[in-house]
Amino acid sequence: MAVIRKFDLKFIGIIGIIKLEFKEIKSDNDAMYELAYVLGRKYWSNGYVIEGTKACLKYSFRVLRISKVFSKIKKENYMSCAIAKKIRNESVK
């Protein structure tokens, strides 16, 4: 999903849920979903990723009926680790 800044309608990045495809996955019940995002550096630390990930997760849980979503984050990526911790500690269902 495109991330568009509200006040000037500027495209600033993407946020979404990716369905991972593996040969071992036999059905949608076994499918794995990953939360991913890319945002222009000058738009970091403005709450856009938090707002967008919450919206994606709510849609995934409520509409798509996905029960589990994960993110693979390198421990050196402190900002993404902090975002994941914040999202995990808040109820998005």
N, C-alpha and C. Protein backbone atom coordinates (compact mmCIF):
# COMPACT_ATOMS: atom_id res chain seq x y z
N MET A 1 0.86 -1.16 0.00
CA MET A 1 0.00 0.00 0.00
C MET A 1 0.91 1.23 0.00
N ALA A 2 0.56 2.18 -0.81
CA ALA A 2 1.32 3.43 -0.86
C ALA A 2 1.07 4.24 0.40
N VAL A 3 2.10 4.89 0.87
CA VAL A 3 1.98 5.80 2.01
C VAL A 3 1.98 7.21 1.42
N ILE A 4 0.84 7.87 1.56
CA ILE A 4 0.66 9.22 1.02
C ILE A 4 0.47 10.17 2.19
N ARG A 5 1.30 11.20 2.25
CA ARG A 5 1.18 12.19 3.33
C ARG A 5 -0.10 12.98 3.12
N LYS A 6 -0.91 13.11 4.17
CA LYS A 6 -2.25 13.70 4.06
C LYS A 6 -2.25 15.16 3.62
N PHE A 7 -1.38 15.98 4.19
CA PHE A 7 -1.52 17.42 3.96
C PHE A 7 -1.09 17.88 2.57
N ASP A 8 -0.22 17.10 1.88
CA ASP A 8 0.18 17.52 0.53
C ASP A 8 0.06 16.40 -0.51
N LEU A 9 -0.49 15.25 -0.10
CA LEU A 9 -0.70 14.10 -0.97
C LEU A 9 0.59 13.61 -1.63
N LYS A 10 1.69 13.75 -0.91
CA LYS A 10 3.00 13.32 -1.42
C LYS A 10 3.23 11.85 -1.09
N PHE A 11 3.68 11.08 -2.10
CA PHE A 11 4.07 9.68 -1.90
C PHE A 11 5.37 9.66 -1.11
N ILE A 12 5.36 8.94 0.04
CA ILE A 12 6.56 8.93 0.87
C ILE A 12 7.09 7.52 1.14
N GLY A 13 6.38 6.48 0.70
CA GLY A 13 6.87 5.12 0.90
C GLY A 13 5.79 4.08 0.69
N ILE A 14 6.08 2.86 1.14
CA ILE A 14 5.12 1.76 1.05
C ILE A 14 5.10 0.99 2.37
N ILE A 15 3.94 0.45 2.69
CA ILE A 15 3.77 -0.42 3.86
C ILE A 15 2.80 -1.51 3.44
N GLY A 16 3.09 -2.75 3.80
CA GLY A 16 2.16 -3.80 3.43
C GLY A 16 2.44 -5.13 4.10
N ILE A 17 1.53 -6.05 3.84
CA ILE A 17 1.63 -7.42 4.31
C ILE A 17 1.95 -8.29 3.10
N ILE A 18 3.00 -9.08 3.22
CA ILE A 18 3.45 -9.93 2.13
C ILE A 18 3.15 -11.38 2.48
N LYS A 19 2.47 -12.07 1.58
CA LYS A 19 2.23 -13.50 1.79
C LYS A 19 3.44 -14.24 1.24
N LEU A 20 4.10 -14.98 2.10
CA LEU A 20 5.29 -15.73 1.69
C LEU A 20 4.88 -17.07 1.10
N GLU A 21 5.46 -17.39 -0.01
CA GLU A 21 5.15 -18.63 -0.72
C GLU A 21 6.30 -19.62 -0.57
N PHE A 22 6.00 -20.79 -0.05
CA PHE A 22 6.97 -21.86 0.08
C PHE A 22 6.35 -23.15 -0.43
N LYS A 23 7.16 -24.02 -0.98
CA LYS A 23 6.66 -25.31 -1.47
C LYS A 23 6.03 -26.12 -0.34
N GLU A 24 6.56 -25.96 0.87
CA GLU A 24 6.08 -26.74 2.01
C GLU A 24 4.69 -26.33 2.49
N ILE A 25 4.25 -25.14 2.11
CA ILE A 25 2.95 -24.65 2.56
C ILE A 25 1.87 -25.26 1.68
N LYS A 26 1.01 -26.02 2.31
CA LYS A 26 -0.02 -26.77 1.57
C LYS A 26 -1.35 -26.02 1.46
N SER A 27 -1.63 -25.11 2.40
CA SER A 27 -2.92 -24.40 2.38
C SER A 27 -2.74 -23.01 2.95
N ASP A 28 -3.79 -22.18 2.80
CA ASP A 28 -3.75 -20.83 3.36
C ASP A 28 -3.65 -20.85 4.89
N ASN A 29 -4.12 -21.92 5.52
CA ASN A 29 -4.02 -22.03 6.97
C ASN A 29 -2.58 -22.11 7.44
N ASP A 30 -1.70 -22.60 6.56
CA ASP A 30 -0.28 -22.74 6.89
C ASP A 30 0.55 -21.57 6.38
N ALA A 31 -0.07 -20.64 5.69
CA ALA A 31 0.66 -19.54 5.06
C ALA A 31 1.33 -18.65 6.11
N MET A 32 2.39 -17.99 5.68
CA MET A 32 3.11 -17.06 6.54
C MET A 32 3.01 -15.67 5.92
N TYR A 33 2.82 -14.67 6.79
CA TYR A 33 2.66 -13.29 6.33
C TYR A 33 3.67 -12.40 7.04
N GLU A 34 4.30 -11.53 6.28
CA GLU A 34 5.30 -10.63 6.84
C GLU A 34 4.88 -9.19 6.64
N LEU A 35 5.07 -8.40 7.68
CA LEU A 35 4.84 -6.96 7.62
C LEU A 35 6.13 -6.32 7.13
N ALA A 36 6.03 -5.47 6.10
CA ALA A 36 7.23 -4.82 5.56
C ALA A 36 6.91 -3.36 5.23
N TYR A 37 7.95 -2.53 5.28
CA TYR A 37 7.76 -1.12 4.92
C TYR A 37 9.06 -0.51 4.45
N VAL A 38 8.92 0.48 3.61
CA VAL A 38 10.05 1.29 3.14
C VAL A 38 9.54 2.72 3.11
N LEU A 39 10.27 3.60 3.75
CA LEU A 39 9.87 5.00 3.84
C LEU A 39 11.08 5.87 3.52
N GLY A 40 10.87 6.95 2.78
CA GLY A 40 11.97 7.87 2.51
C GLY A 40 12.59 8.36 3.80
N ARG A 41 13.90 8.41 3.84
CA ARG A 41 14.62 8.74 5.08
C ARG A 41 14.16 10.05 5.72
N LYS A 42 13.85 11.05 4.91
CA LYS A 42 13.46 12.33 5.50
C LYS A 42 12.08 12.30 6.15
N TYR A 43 11.36 11.17 6.00
CA TYR A 43 10.04 11.03 6.61
C TYR A 43 10.07 10.14 7.85
N TRP A 44 11.24 9.67 8.24
CA TRP A 44 11.38 8.84 9.44
C TRP A 44 11.05 9.67 10.68
N SER A 45 10.66 8.98 11.73
CA SER A 45 10.43 9.57 13.06
C SER A 45 9.29 10.59 13.09
N ASN A 46 8.31 10.38 12.22
CA ASN A 46 7.13 11.26 12.21
C ASN A 46 5.84 10.49 12.51
N GLY A 47 5.96 9.21 12.84
CA GLY A 47 4.78 8.41 13.18
C GLY A 47 4.10 7.77 11.98
N TYR A 48 4.61 7.98 10.77
CA TYR A 48 3.97 7.44 9.59
C TYR A 48 3.99 5.90 9.58
N VAL A 49 5.11 5.32 9.97
CA VAL A 49 5.21 3.85 9.97
C VAL A 49 4.29 3.25 11.02
N ILE A 50 4.25 3.84 12.20
CA ILE A 50 3.35 3.33 13.25
C ILE A 50 1.90 3.37 12.77
N GLU A 51 1.47 4.50 12.24
CA GLU A 51 0.10 4.64 11.75
C GLU A 51 -0.19 3.65 10.63
N GLY A 52 0.73 3.52 9.69
CA GLY A 52 0.53 2.61 8.56
C GLY A 52 0.55 1.15 8.94
N THR A 53 1.46 0.76 9.83
CA THR A 53 1.50 -0.65 10.24
C THR A 53 0.26 -1.03 11.04
N LYS A 54 -0.22 -0.13 11.87
CA LYS A 54 -1.45 -0.42 12.60
C LYS A 54 -2.62 -0.64 11.63
N ALA A 55 -2.71 0.21 10.63
CA ALA A 55 -3.80 0.08 9.64
C ALA A 55 -3.68 -1.24 8.88
N CYS A 56 -2.46 -1.60 8.47
CA CYS A 56 -2.26 -2.86 7.74
C CYS A 56 -2.60 -4.07 8.61
N LEU A 57 -2.16 -4.03 9.86
CA LEU A 57 -2.43 -5.15 10.75
C LEU A 57 -3.92 -5.28 11.06
N LYS A 58 -4.59 -4.17 11.31
CA LYS A 58 -6.03 -4.23 11.55
C LYS A 58 -6.75 -4.83 10.35
N TYR A 59 -6.40 -4.39 9.16
CA TYR A 59 -7.03 -4.92 7.94
C TYR A 59 -6.72 -6.42 7.80
N SER A 60 -5.49 -6.80 8.06
CA SER A 60 -5.09 -8.21 7.94
C SER A 60 -5.85 -9.10 8.91
N PHE A 61 -5.99 -8.65 10.16
CA PHE A 61 -6.67 -9.46 11.17
C PHE A 61 -8.19 -9.44 10.99
N ARG A 62 -8.76 -8.28 10.73
CA ARG A 62 -10.22 -8.14 10.69
C ARG A 62 -10.83 -8.56 9.35
N VAL A 63 -10.21 -8.17 8.26
CA VAL A 63 -10.80 -8.42 6.93
C VAL A 63 -10.25 -9.68 6.29
N LEU A 64 -8.94 -9.82 6.26
CA LEU A 64 -8.33 -10.98 5.62
C LEU A 64 -8.33 -12.20 6.53
N ARG A 65 -8.61 -11.99 7.82
CA ARG A 65 -8.69 -13.07 8.82
C ARG A 65 -7.36 -13.80 8.99
N ILE A 66 -6.27 -13.07 8.83
CA ILE A 66 -4.94 -13.62 9.08
C ILE A 66 -4.74 -13.64 10.59
N SER A 67 -4.23 -14.75 11.10
CA SER A 67 -4.10 -14.85 12.56
C SER A 67 -2.73 -14.45 13.08
N LYS A 68 -1.71 -14.44 12.21
CA LYS A 68 -0.36 -14.16 12.69
C LYS A 68 0.44 -13.48 11.59
N VAL A 69 1.13 -12.41 11.96
CA VAL A 69 2.00 -11.66 11.05
C VAL A 69 3.33 -11.47 11.76
N PHE A 70 4.43 -11.59 11.02
CA PHE A 70 5.74 -11.39 11.64
C PHE A 70 6.55 -10.37 10.84
N SER A 71 7.63 -9.92 11.43
CA SER A 71 8.60 -9.05 10.77
C SER A 71 9.98 -9.58 11.08
N LYS A 72 10.80 -9.67 10.07
CA LYS A 72 12.19 -10.07 10.26
C LYS A 72 13.02 -8.79 10.26
N ILE A 73 13.66 -8.51 11.40
CA ILE A 73 14.38 -7.25 11.56
C ILE A 73 15.79 -7.56 12.08
N LYS A 74 16.78 -6.95 11.45
CA LYS A 74 18.15 -7.08 11.96
C LYS A 74 18.27 -6.31 13.27
N LYS A 75 18.95 -6.88 14.23
CA LYS A 75 19.05 -6.23 15.55
C LYS A 75 19.75 -4.88 15.47
N GLU A 76 20.54 -4.65 14.43
CA GLU A 76 21.21 -3.36 14.26
C GLU A 76 20.25 -2.26 13.80
N ASN A 77 19.09 -2.65 13.33
CA ASN A 77 18.09 -1.68 12.86
C ASN A 77 17.25 -1.23 14.06
N TYR A 78 17.84 -0.34 14.84
CA TYR A 78 17.22 0.08 16.11
C TYR A 78 15.84 0.70 15.92
N MET A 79 15.66 1.49 14.87
CA MET A 79 14.37 2.16 14.68
C MET A 79 13.27 1.13 14.40
N SER A 80 13.55 0.16 13.54
CA SER A 80 12.54 -0.86 13.24
C SER A 80 12.27 -1.74 14.45
N CYS A 81 13.31 -2.03 15.24
CA CYS A 81 13.10 -2.80 16.48
C CYS A 81 12.19 -2.04 17.43
N ALA A 82 12.39 -0.73 17.54
CA ALA A 82 11.54 0.08 18.43
C ALA A 82 10.10 0.12 17.91
N ILE A 83 9.93 0.21 16.61
CA ILE A 83 8.59 0.21 16.01
C ILE A 83 7.90 -1.11 16.30
N ALA A 84 8.61 -2.22 16.09
CA ALA A 84 8.03 -3.55 16.33
C ALA A 84 7.63 -3.70 17.80
N LYS A 85 8.47 -3.23 18.69
CA LYS A 85 8.16 -3.32 20.12
C LYS A 85 6.92 -2.50 20.46
N LYS A 86 6.83 -1.30 19.90
CA LYS A 86 5.67 -0.45 20.16
C LYS A 86 4.39 -1.09 19.62
N ILE A 87 4.44 -1.60 18.41
CA ILE A 87 3.27 -2.25 17.80
C ILE A 87 2.88 -3.49 18.60
N ARG A 88 3.87 -4.28 19.00
CA ARG A 88 3.60 -5.50 19.76
C ARG A 88 2.93 -5.20 21.10
N ASN A 89 3.31 -4.08 21.70
CA ASN A 89 2.79 -3.73 23.02
C ASN A 89 1.42 -3.04 22.98
N GLU A 90 0.95 -2.72 21.78
CA GLU A 90 -0.37 -2.10 21.63
C GLU A 90 -1.30 -3.10 20.95
N SER A 91 -2.52 -3.12 21.34
CA SER A 91 -3.49 -4.02 20.73
C SER A 91 -3.92 -3.46 19.38
N VAL A 92 -3.75 -4.27 18.32
CA VAL A 92 -4.18 -3.84 17.00
C VAL A 92 -5.33 -4.69 16.46
N LYS A 93 -5.73 -5.71 17.21
CA LYS A 93 -6.84 -6.54 16.77
C LYS A 93 -8.11 -5.82 17.09
